[in-house]
């Protein structure tokens, strides 16, 4: 896989509201959520109830076409990258 695109770094005050509600990465594209500072929660919205709290220097892969959202847990900096 190759990185195709990367967002700017977001903070608790600049994070797009759409990321905090149920959304999906389009089919055929993997996302990667990376926390630079602070922490946030990555939640699957597929009925499983699974979630992960990510701290600074941690990341998680986001599968294509799987509903998910993030919860901001205080001061944070993070970005998303998209891979094909």
PDB file of N, CA and C in Angstrom:
ATOM      1  N   UNK A   1       0.841  -1.179   0.000  1.00  0.00           N
ATOM      2  CA  UNK A   1       0.000   0.000   0.000  1.00  0.00           C
ATOM      3  C   UNK A   1       0.886   1.242   0.000  1.00  0.00           C
ATOM      4  N   UNK A   2       0.382   2.277  -0.611  1.00  0.00           N
ATOM      5  CA  UNK A   2       1.085   3.560  -0.645  1.00  0.00           C
ATOM      6  C   UNK A   2       0.207   4.654  -0.084  1.00  0.00           C
ATOM      7  N   UNK A   3       0.837   5.578   0.664  1.00  0.00           N
ATOM      8  CA  UNK A   3       0.089   6.721   1.167  1.00  0.00           C
ATOM      9  C   UNK A   3      -0.310   7.588  -0.017  1.00  0.00           C
ATOM     10  N   UNK A   4      -1.580   7.946  -0.050  1.00  0.00           N
ATOM     11  CA  UNK A   4      -2.119   8.724  -1.151  1.00  0.00           C
ATOM     12  C   UNK A   4      -2.335  10.187  -0.753  1.00  0.00           C
ATOM     13  N   UNK A   5      -2.765  10.387   0.477  1.00  0.00           N
ATOM     14  CA  UNK A   5      -3.118  11.736   0.918  1.00  0.00           C
ATOM     15  C   UNK A   5      -3.014  11.796   2.437  1.00  0.00           C
ATOM     16  N   UNK A   6      -2.754  12.989   2.959  1.00  0.00           N
ATOM     17  CA  UNK A   6      -2.694  13.189   4.407  1.00  0.00           C
ATOM     18  C   UNK A   6      -3.356  14.514   4.743  1.00  0.00           C
ATOM     19  N   UNK A   7      -4.130  14.510   5.815  1.00  0.00           N
ATOM     20  CA  UNK A   7      -4.772  15.745   6.257  1.00  0.00           C
ATOM     21  C   UNK A   7      -3.771  16.589   7.027  1.00  0.00           C
ATOM     22  N   UNK A   8      -4.091  17.857   7.232  1.00  0.00           N
ATOM     23  CA  UNK A   8      -3.290  18.640   8.181  1.00  0.00           C
ATOM     24  C   UNK A   8      -3.536  18.086   9.584  1.00  0.00           C
ATOM     25  N   UNK A   9      -2.729  18.500  10.535  1.00  0.00           N
ATOM     26  CA  UNK A   9      -2.980  18.106  11.921  1.00  0.00           C
ATOM     27  C   UNK A   9      -4.200  18.857  12.438  1.00  0.00           C
ATOM     28  N   UNK A  10      -5.049  18.119  13.151  1.00  0.00           N
ATOM     29  CA  UNK A  10      -6.222  18.706  13.785  1.00  0.00           C
ATOM     30  C   UNK A  10      -5.988  18.764  15.288  1.00  0.00           C
ATOM     31  N   UNK A  11      -6.669  19.680  15.944  1.00  0.00           N
ATOM     32  CA  UNK A  11      -6.668  19.768  17.408  1.00  0.00           C
ATOM     33  C   UNK A  11      -8.106  19.568  17.879  1.00  0.00           C
ATOM     34  N   UNK A  12      -8.281  19.578  19.182  1.00  0.00           N
ATOM     35  CA  UNK A  12      -9.631  19.435  19.730  1.00  0.00           C
ATOM     36  C   UNK A  12     -10.548  20.551  19.239  1.00  0.00           C
ATOM     37  N   UNK A  13     -10.002  21.711  18.917  1.00  0.00           N
ATOM     38  CA  UNK A  13     -10.845  22.822  18.464  1.00  0.00           C
ATOM     39  C   UNK A  13     -10.964  22.914  16.941  1.00  0.00           C
ATOM     40  N   UNK A  14     -10.078  22.246  16.194  1.00  0.00           N
ATOM     41  CA  UNK A  14     -10.150  22.330  14.730  1.00  0.00           C
ATOM     42  C   UNK A  14     -10.619  21.028  14.068  1.00  0.00           C
ATOM     43  N   UNK A  15     -10.834  19.980  14.854  1.00  0.00           N
ATOM     44  CA  UNK A  15     -11.275  18.698  14.285  1.00  0.00           C
ATOM     45  C   UNK A  15     -12.631  18.866  13.608  1.00  0.00           C
ATOM     46  N   UNK A  16     -12.745  18.448  12.349  1.00  0.00           N
ATOM     47  CA  UNK A  16     -14.031  18.546  11.664  1.00  0.00           C
ATOM     48  C   UNK A  16     -15.120  17.775  12.415  1.00  0.00           C
ATOM     49  N   UNK A  17     -16.270  18.377  12.533  1.00  0.00           N
ATOM     50  CA  UNK A  17     -17.392  17.733  13.245  1.00  0.00           C
ATOM     51  C   UNK A  17     -17.768  16.410  12.589  1.00  0.00           C
ATOM     52  N   UNK A  18     -17.595  16.316  11.261  1.00  0.00           N
ATOM     53  CA  UNK A  18     -17.939  15.084  10.558  1.00  0.00           C
ATOM     54  C   UNK A  18     -17.160  13.876  11.054  1.00  0.00           C
ATOM     55  N   UNK A  19     -15.937  14.088  11.547  1.00  0.00           N
ATOM     56  CA  UNK A  19     -15.143  12.981  12.071  1.00  0.00           C
ATOM     57  C   UNK A  19     -15.715  12.444  13.376  1.00  0.00           C
ATOM     58  N   UNK A  20     -16.485  13.289  14.067  1.00  0.00           N
ATOM     59  CA  UNK A  20     -17.021  12.917  15.369  1.00  0.00           C
ATOM     60  C   UNK A  20     -18.397  12.273  15.269  1.00  0.00           C
ATOM     61  N   UNK A  21     -18.848  12.055  14.046  1.00  0.00           N
ATOM     62  CA  UNK A  21     -20.123  11.382  13.788  1.00  0.00           C
ATOM     63  C   UNK A  21     -19.869  10.210  12.855  1.00  0.00           C
ATOM     64  N   UNK A  22     -20.808   9.306  12.817  1.00  0.00           N
ATOM     65  CA  UNK A  22     -20.705   8.111  11.980  1.00  0.00           C
ATOM     66  C   UNK A  22     -20.362   8.491  10.537  1.00  0.00           C
ATOM     67  N   UNK A  23     -19.236   7.958  10.039  1.00  0.00           N
ATOM     68  CA  UNK A  23     -18.825   8.182   8.642  1.00  0.00           C
ATOM     69  C   UNK A  23     -17.979   6.997   8.194  1.00  0.00           C
ATOM     70  N   UNK A  24     -17.584   6.961   6.934  1.00  0.00           N
ATOM     71  CA  UNK A  24     -16.817   5.850   6.363  1.00  0.00           C
ATOM     72  C   UNK A  24     -15.701   6.358   5.471  1.00  0.00           C
ATOM     73  N   UNK A  25     -14.642   5.548   5.363  1.00  0.00           N
ATOM     74  CA  UNK A  25     -13.622   5.757   4.340  1.00  0.00           C
ATOM     75  C   UNK A  25     -14.150   5.039   3.104  1.00  0.00           C
ATOM     76  N   UNK A  26     -13.987   5.640   1.934  1.00  0.00           N
ATOM     77  CA  UNK A  26     -14.590   5.051   0.744  1.00  0.00           C
ATOM     78  C   UNK A  26     -13.994   3.682   0.405  1.00  0.00           C
ATOM     79  N   UNK A  27     -14.756   2.906  -0.330  1.00  0.00           N
ATOM     80  CA  UNK A  27     -14.343   1.560  -0.732  1.00  0.00           C
ATOM     81  C   UNK A  27     -13.000   1.598  -1.448  1.00  0.00           C
ATOM     82  N   UNK A  28     -12.131   0.654  -1.114  1.00  0.00           N
ATOM     83  CA  UNK A  28     -10.831   0.559  -1.762  1.00  0.00           C
ATOM     84  C   UNK A  28      -9.741   1.399  -1.136  1.00  0.00           C
ATOM     85  N   UNK A  29     -10.090   2.214  -0.138  1.00  0.00           N
ATOM     86  CA  UNK A  29      -9.120   3.091   0.512  1.00  0.00           C
ATOM     87  C   UNK A  29      -9.066   2.746   1.999  1.00  0.00           C
ATOM     88  N   UNK A  30      -7.855   2.609   2.527  1.00  0.00           N
ATOM     89  CA  UNK A  30      -7.654   2.422   3.960  1.00  0.00           C
ATOM     90  C   UNK A  30      -7.291   3.763   4.569  1.00  0.00           C
ATOM     91  N   UNK A  31      -7.781   4.024   5.763  1.00  0.00           N
ATOM     92  CA  UNK A  31      -7.400   5.207   6.502  1.00  0.00           C
ATOM     93  C   UNK A  31      -6.450   4.823   7.621  1.00  0.00           C
ATOM     94  N   UNK A  32      -5.666   5.782   8.070  1.00  0.00           N
ATOM     95  CA  UNK A  32      -4.804   5.574   9.232  1.00  0.00           C
ATOM     96  C   UNK A  32      -4.919   6.810  10.104  1.00  0.00           C
ATOM     97  N   UNK A  33      -5.390   6.608  11.324  1.00  0.00           N
ATOM     98  CA  UNK A  33      -5.565   7.671  12.305  1.00  0.00           C
ATOM     99  C   UNK A  33      -4.336   7.666  13.211  1.00  0.00           C
ATOM    100  N   UNK A  34      -3.629   8.789  13.281  1.00  0.00           N
ATOM    101  CA  UNK A  34      -2.405   8.893  14.076  1.00  0.00           C
ATOM    102  C   UNK A  34      -2.544  10.032  15.074  1.00  0.00           C
ATOM    103  N   UNK A  35      -2.325   9.716  16.342  1.00  0.00           N
ATOM    104  CA  UNK A  35      -2.370  10.718  17.398  1.00  0.00           C
ATOM    105  C   UNK A  35      -0.946  11.225  17.632  1.00  0.00           C
ATOM    106  N   UNK A  36      -0.765  12.523  17.528  1.00  0.00           N
ATOM    107  CA  UNK A  36       0.535  13.156  17.721  1.00  0.00           C
ATOM    108  C   UNK A  36       0.725  13.541  19.192  1.00  0.00           C
ATOM    109  N   UNK A  37      -0.349  14.037  19.813  1.00  0.00           N
ATOM    110  CA  UNK A  37      -0.292  14.489  21.195  1.00  0.00           C
ATOM    111  C   UNK A  37      -1.668  14.323  21.823  1.00  0.00           C
ATOM    112  N   UNK A  38      -1.726  14.062  23.130  1.00  0.00           N
ATOM    113  CA  UNK A  38      -2.999  13.887  23.807  1.00  0.00           C
ATOM    114  C   UNK A  38      -3.577  12.515  23.536  1.00  0.00           C
ATOM    115  N   UNK A  39      -4.912  12.434  23.528  1.00  0.00           N
ATOM    116  CA  UNK A  39      -5.552  11.155  23.249  1.00  0.00           C
ATOM    117  C   UNK A  39      -6.942  11.371  22.675  1.00  0.00           C
ATOM    118  N   UNK A  40      -7.437  10.323  22.016  1.00  0.00           N
ATOM    119  CA  UNK A  40      -8.809  10.303  21.526  1.00  0.00           C
ATOM    120  C   UNK A  40      -9.273   8.862  21.444  1.00  0.00           C
ATOM    121  N   UNK A  41     -10.576   8.694  21.269  1.00  0.00           N
ATOM    122  CA  UNK A  41     -11.170   7.362  21.177  1.00  0.00           C
ATOM    123  C   UNK A  41     -11.644   7.139  19.744  1.00  0.00           C
ATOM    124  N   UNK A  42     -11.260   6.000  19.159  1.00  0.00           N
ATOM    125  CA  UNK A  42     -11.707   5.566  17.833  1.00  0.00           C
ATOM    126  C   UNK A  42     -12.767   4.507  18.061  1.00  0.00           C
ATOM    127  N   UNK A  43     -13.972   4.740  17.554  1.00  0.00           N
ATOM    128  CA  UNK A  43     -15.113   3.852  17.791  1.00  0.00           C
ATOM    129  C   UNK A  43     -15.644   3.288  16.480  1.00  0.00           C
ATOM    130  N   UNK A  44     -15.813   1.972  16.426  1.00  0.00           N
ATOM    131  CA  UNK A  44     -16.492   1.364  15.288  1.00  0.00           C
ATOM    132  C   UNK A  44     -17.987   1.536  15.490  1.00  0.00           C
ATOM    133  N   UNK A  45     -18.692   1.841  14.438  1.00  0.00           N
ATOM    134  CA  UNK A  45     -20.136   2.036  14.483  1.00  0.00           C
ATOM    135  C   UNK A  45     -20.826   0.932  13.683  1.00  0.00           C
ATOM    136  N   UNK A  46     -20.297  -0.284  13.809  1.00  0.00           N
ATOM    137  CA  UNK A  46     -20.816  -1.424  13.055  1.00  0.00           C
ATOM    138  C   UNK A  46     -21.667  -2.352  13.920  1.00  0.00           C
ATOM    139  N   UNK A  47     -22.038  -1.880  15.114  1.00  0.00           N
ATOM    140  CA  UNK A  47     -22.839  -2.683  16.018  1.00  0.00           C
ATOM    141  C   UNK A  47     -22.020  -3.536  16.971  1.00  0.00           C
ATOM    142  N   UNK A  48     -20.709  -3.556  16.805  1.00  0.00           N
ATOM    143  CA  UNK A  48     -19.853  -4.394  17.651  1.00  0.00           C
ATOM    144  C   UNK A  48     -19.540  -3.757  18.997  1.00  0.00           C
ATOM    145  N   UNK A  49     -19.650  -2.423  19.081  1.00  0.00           N
ATOM    146  CA  UNK A  49     -19.305  -1.727  20.306  1.00  0.00           C
ATOM    147  C   UNK A  49     -17.809  -1.602  20.546  1.00  0.00           C
ATOM    148  N   UNK A  50     -16.988  -2.026  19.589  1.00  0.00           N
ATOM    149  CA  UNK A  50     -15.535  -1.966  19.773  1.00  0.00           C
ATOM    150  C   UNK A  50     -15.029  -0.524  19.677  1.00  0.00           C
ATOM    151  N   UNK A  51     -14.057  -0.208  20.537  1.00  0.00           N
ATOM    152  CA  UNK A  51     -13.413   1.105  20.505  1.00  0.00           C
ATOM    153  C   UNK A  51     -12.020   0.977  21.096  1.00  0.00           C
ATOM    154  N   UNK A  52     -11.172   1.944  20.766  1.00  0.00           N
ATOM    155  CA  UNK A  52      -9.794   1.982  21.229  1.00  0.00           C
ATOM    156  C   UNK A  52      -9.469   3.405  21.648  1.00  0.00           C
ATOM    157  N   UNK A  53      -8.776   3.551  22.768  1.00  0.00           N
ATOM    158  CA  UNK A  53      -8.262   4.856  23.171  1.00  0.00           C
ATOM    159  C   UNK A  53      -6.819   4.925  22.686  1.00  0.00           C
ATOM    160  N   UNK A  54      -6.547   5.923  21.865  1.00  0.00           N
ATOM    161  CA  UNK A  54      -5.213   6.115  21.294  1.00  0.00           C
ATOM    162  C   UNK A  54      -4.532   7.291  21.969  1.00  0.00           C
ATOM    163  N   UNK A  55      -3.290   7.102  22.349  1.00  0.00           N
ATOM    164  CA  UNK A  55      -2.481   8.143  22.985  1.00  0.00           C
ATOM    165  C   UNK A  55      -1.404   8.608  22.014  1.00  0.00           C
ATOM    166  N   UNK A  56      -0.624   9.584  22.436  1.00  0.00           N
ATOM    167  CA  UNK A  56       0.443  10.141  21.592  1.00  0.00           C
ATOM    168  C   UNK A  56       1.318   9.038  21.010  1.00  0.00           C
ATOM    169  N   UNK A  57       1.649   9.182  19.732  1.00  0.00           N
ATOM    170  CA  UNK A  57       2.495   8.253  18.985  1.00  0.00           C
ATOM    171  C   UNK A  57       1.844   6.901  18.709  1.00  0.00           C
ATOM    172  N   UNK A  58       0.532   6.809  18.854  1.00  0.00           N
ATOM    173  CA  UNK A  58      -0.193   5.587  18.504  1.00  0.00           C
ATOM    174  C   UNK A  58      -1.062   5.846  17.285  1.00  0.00           C
ATOM    175  N   UNK A  59      -1.323   4.792  16.530  1.00  0.00           N
ATOM    176  CA  UNK A  59      -2.183   4.922  15.353  1.00  0.00           C
ATOM    177  C   UNK A  59      -2.979   3.643  15.179  1.00  0.00           C
ATOM    178  N   UNK A  60      -3.999   3.735  14.344  1.00  0.00           N
ATOM    179  CA  UNK A  60      -4.857   2.594  14.063  1.00  0.00           C
ATOM    180  C   UNK A  60      -5.260   2.654  12.584  1.00  0.00           C
ATOM    181  N   UNK A  61      -5.348   1.477  11.965  1.00  0.00           N
ATOM    182  CA  UNK A  61      -5.836   1.389  10.587  1.00  0.00           C
ATOM    183  C   UNK A  61      -7.354   1.440  10.585  1.00  0.00           C
ATOM    184  N   UNK A  62      -7.913   2.128   9.604  1.00  0.00           N
ATOM    185  CA  UNK A  62      -9.366   2.237   9.431  1.00  0.00           C
ATOM    186  C   UNK A  62      -9.719   1.513   8.135  1.00  0.00           C
ATOM    187  N   UNK A  63     -10.446   0.395   8.237  1.00  0.00           N
ATOM    188  CA  UNK A  63     -10.773  -0.367   7.029  1.00  0.00           C
ATOM    189  C   UNK A  63     -11.723   0.398   6.103  1.00  0.00           C
ATOM    190  N   UNK A  64     -11.664   0.080   4.814  1.00  0.00           N
ATOM    191  CA  UNK A  64     -12.577   0.701   3.858  1.00  0.00           C
ATOM    192  C   UNK A  64     -14.039   0.386   4.191  1.00  0.00           C
ATOM    193  N   UNK A  65     -14.891   1.362   3.999  1.00  0.00           N
ATOM    194  CA  UNK A  65     -16.344   1.189   4.047  1.00  0.00           C
ATOM    195  C   UNK A  65     -16.874   0.655   5.376  1.00  0.00           C
ATOM    196  N   UNK A  66     -16.162   0.889   6.486  1.00  0.00           N
ATOM    197  CA  UNK A  66     -16.626   0.482   7.814  1.00  0.00           C
ATOM    198  C   UNK A  66     -17.014   1.742   8.587  1.00  0.00           C
ATOM    199  N   UNK A  67     -18.258   1.825   9.074  1.00  0.00           N
ATOM    200  CA  UNK A  67     -18.681   3.026   9.794  1.00  0.00           C
ATOM    201  C   UNK A  67     -17.900   3.187  11.107  1.00  0.00           C
ATOM    202  N   UNK A  68     -17.494   4.422  11.384  1.00  0.00           N
ATOM    203  CA  UNK A  68     -16.709   4.705  12.576  1.00  0.00           C
ATOM    204  C   UNK A  68     -16.821   6.192  12.917  1.00  0.00           C
ATOM    205  N   UNK A  69     -16.256   6.560  14.064  1.00  0.00           N
ATOM    206  CA  UNK A  69     -16.197   7.966  14.489  1.00  0.00           C
ATOM    207  C   UNK A  69     -15.065   8.110  15.489  1.00  0.00           C
ATOM    208  N   UNK A  70     -14.698   9.348  15.799  1.00  0.00           N
ATOM    209  CA  UNK A  70     -13.716   9.607  16.845  1.00  0.00           C
ATOM    210  C   UNK A  70     -14.363  10.448  17.936  1.00  0.00           C
ATOM    211  N   UNK A  71     -13.888  10.267  19.148  1.00  0.00           N
ATOM    212  CA  UNK A  71     -14.299  11.092  20.281  1.00  0.00           C
ATOM    213  C   UNK A  71     -13.056  11.819  20.784  1.00  0.00           C
ATOM    214  N   UNK A  72     -13.159  13.102  20.909  1.00  0.00           N
ATOM    215  CA  UNK A  72     -12.061  13.917  21.421  1.00  0.00           C
ATOM    216  C   UNK A  72     -12.057  13.794  22.949  1.00  0.00           C
ATOM    217  N   UNK A  73     -10.908  13.466  23.515  1.00  0.00           N
ATOM    218  CA  UNK A  73     -10.799  13.268  24.960  1.00  0.00           C
ATOM    219  C   UNK A  73      -9.856  14.304  25.576  1.00  0.00           C
ATOM    220  N   UNK A  74     -10.153  15.578  25.354  1.00  0.00           N
ATOM    221  CA  UNK A  74      -9.308  16.646  25.882  1.00  0.00           C
ATOM    222  C   UNK A  74      -8.357  17.167  24.824  1.00  0.00           C
ATOM    223  N   UNK A  75      -7.373  17.922  25.256  1.00  0.00           N
ATOM    224  CA  UNK A  75      -6.409  18.491  24.310  1.00  0.00           C
ATOM    225  C   UNK A  75      -5.721  17.383  23.503  1.00  0.00           C
ATOM    226  N   UNK A  76      -5.671  17.557  22.196  1.00  0.00           N
ATOM    227  CA  UNK A  76      -5.089  16.533  21.328  1.00  0.00           C
ATOM    228  C   UNK A  76      -4.620  17.147  20.021  1.00  0.00           C
ATOM    229  N   UNK A  77      -3.729  16.442  19.343  1.00  0.00           N
ATOM    230  CA  UNK A  77      -3.334  16.743  17.959  1.00  0.00           C
ATOM    231  C   UNK A  77      -3.289  15.408  17.233  1.00  0.00           C
ATOM    232  N   UNK A  78      -3.901  15.364  16.052  1.00  0.00           N
ATOM    233  CA  UNK A  78      -3.927  14.121  15.284  1.00  0.00           C
ATOM    234  C   UNK A  78      -4.095  14.427  13.804  1.00  0.00           C
ATOM    235  N   UNK A  79      -3.841  13.408  12.980  1.00  0.00           N
ATOM    236  CA  UNK A  79      -4.067  13.544  11.542  1.00  0.00           C
ATOM    237  C   UNK A  79      -4.522  12.201  10.988  1.00  0.00           C
ATOM    238  N   UNK A  80      -5.023  12.264   9.770  1.00  0.00           N
ATOM    239  CA  UNK A  80      -5.444  11.073   9.039  1.00  0.00           C
ATOM    240  C   UNK A  80      -4.640  10.965   7.760  1.00  0.00           C
ATOM    241  N   UNK A  81      -4.329   9.761   7.397  1.00  0.00           N
ATOM    242  CA  UNK A  81      -3.710   9.521   6.086  1.00  0.00           C
ATOM    243  C   UNK A  81      -4.548   8.468   5.381  1.00  0.00           C
ATOM    244  N   UNK A  82      -4.494   8.484   4.068  1.00  0.00           N
ATOM    245  CA  UNK A  82      -5.312   7.578   3.256  1.00  0.00           C
ATOM    246  C   UNK A  82      -4.399   6.796   2.333  1.00  0.00           C
ATOM    247  N   UNK A  83      -4.625   5.509   2.241  1.00  0.00           N
ATOM    248  CA  UNK A  83      -3.745   4.577   1.563  1.00  0.00           C
ATOM    249  C   UNK A  83      -4.498   3.752   0.543  1.00  0.00           C
ATOM    250  N   UNK A  84      -3.830   3.486  -0.585  1.00  0.00           N
ATOM    251  CA  UNK A  84      -4.388   2.631  -1.643  1.00  0.00           C
ATOM    252  C   UNK A  84      -3.535   1.388  -1.752  1.00  0.00           C
TER     253      UNK A  84
END
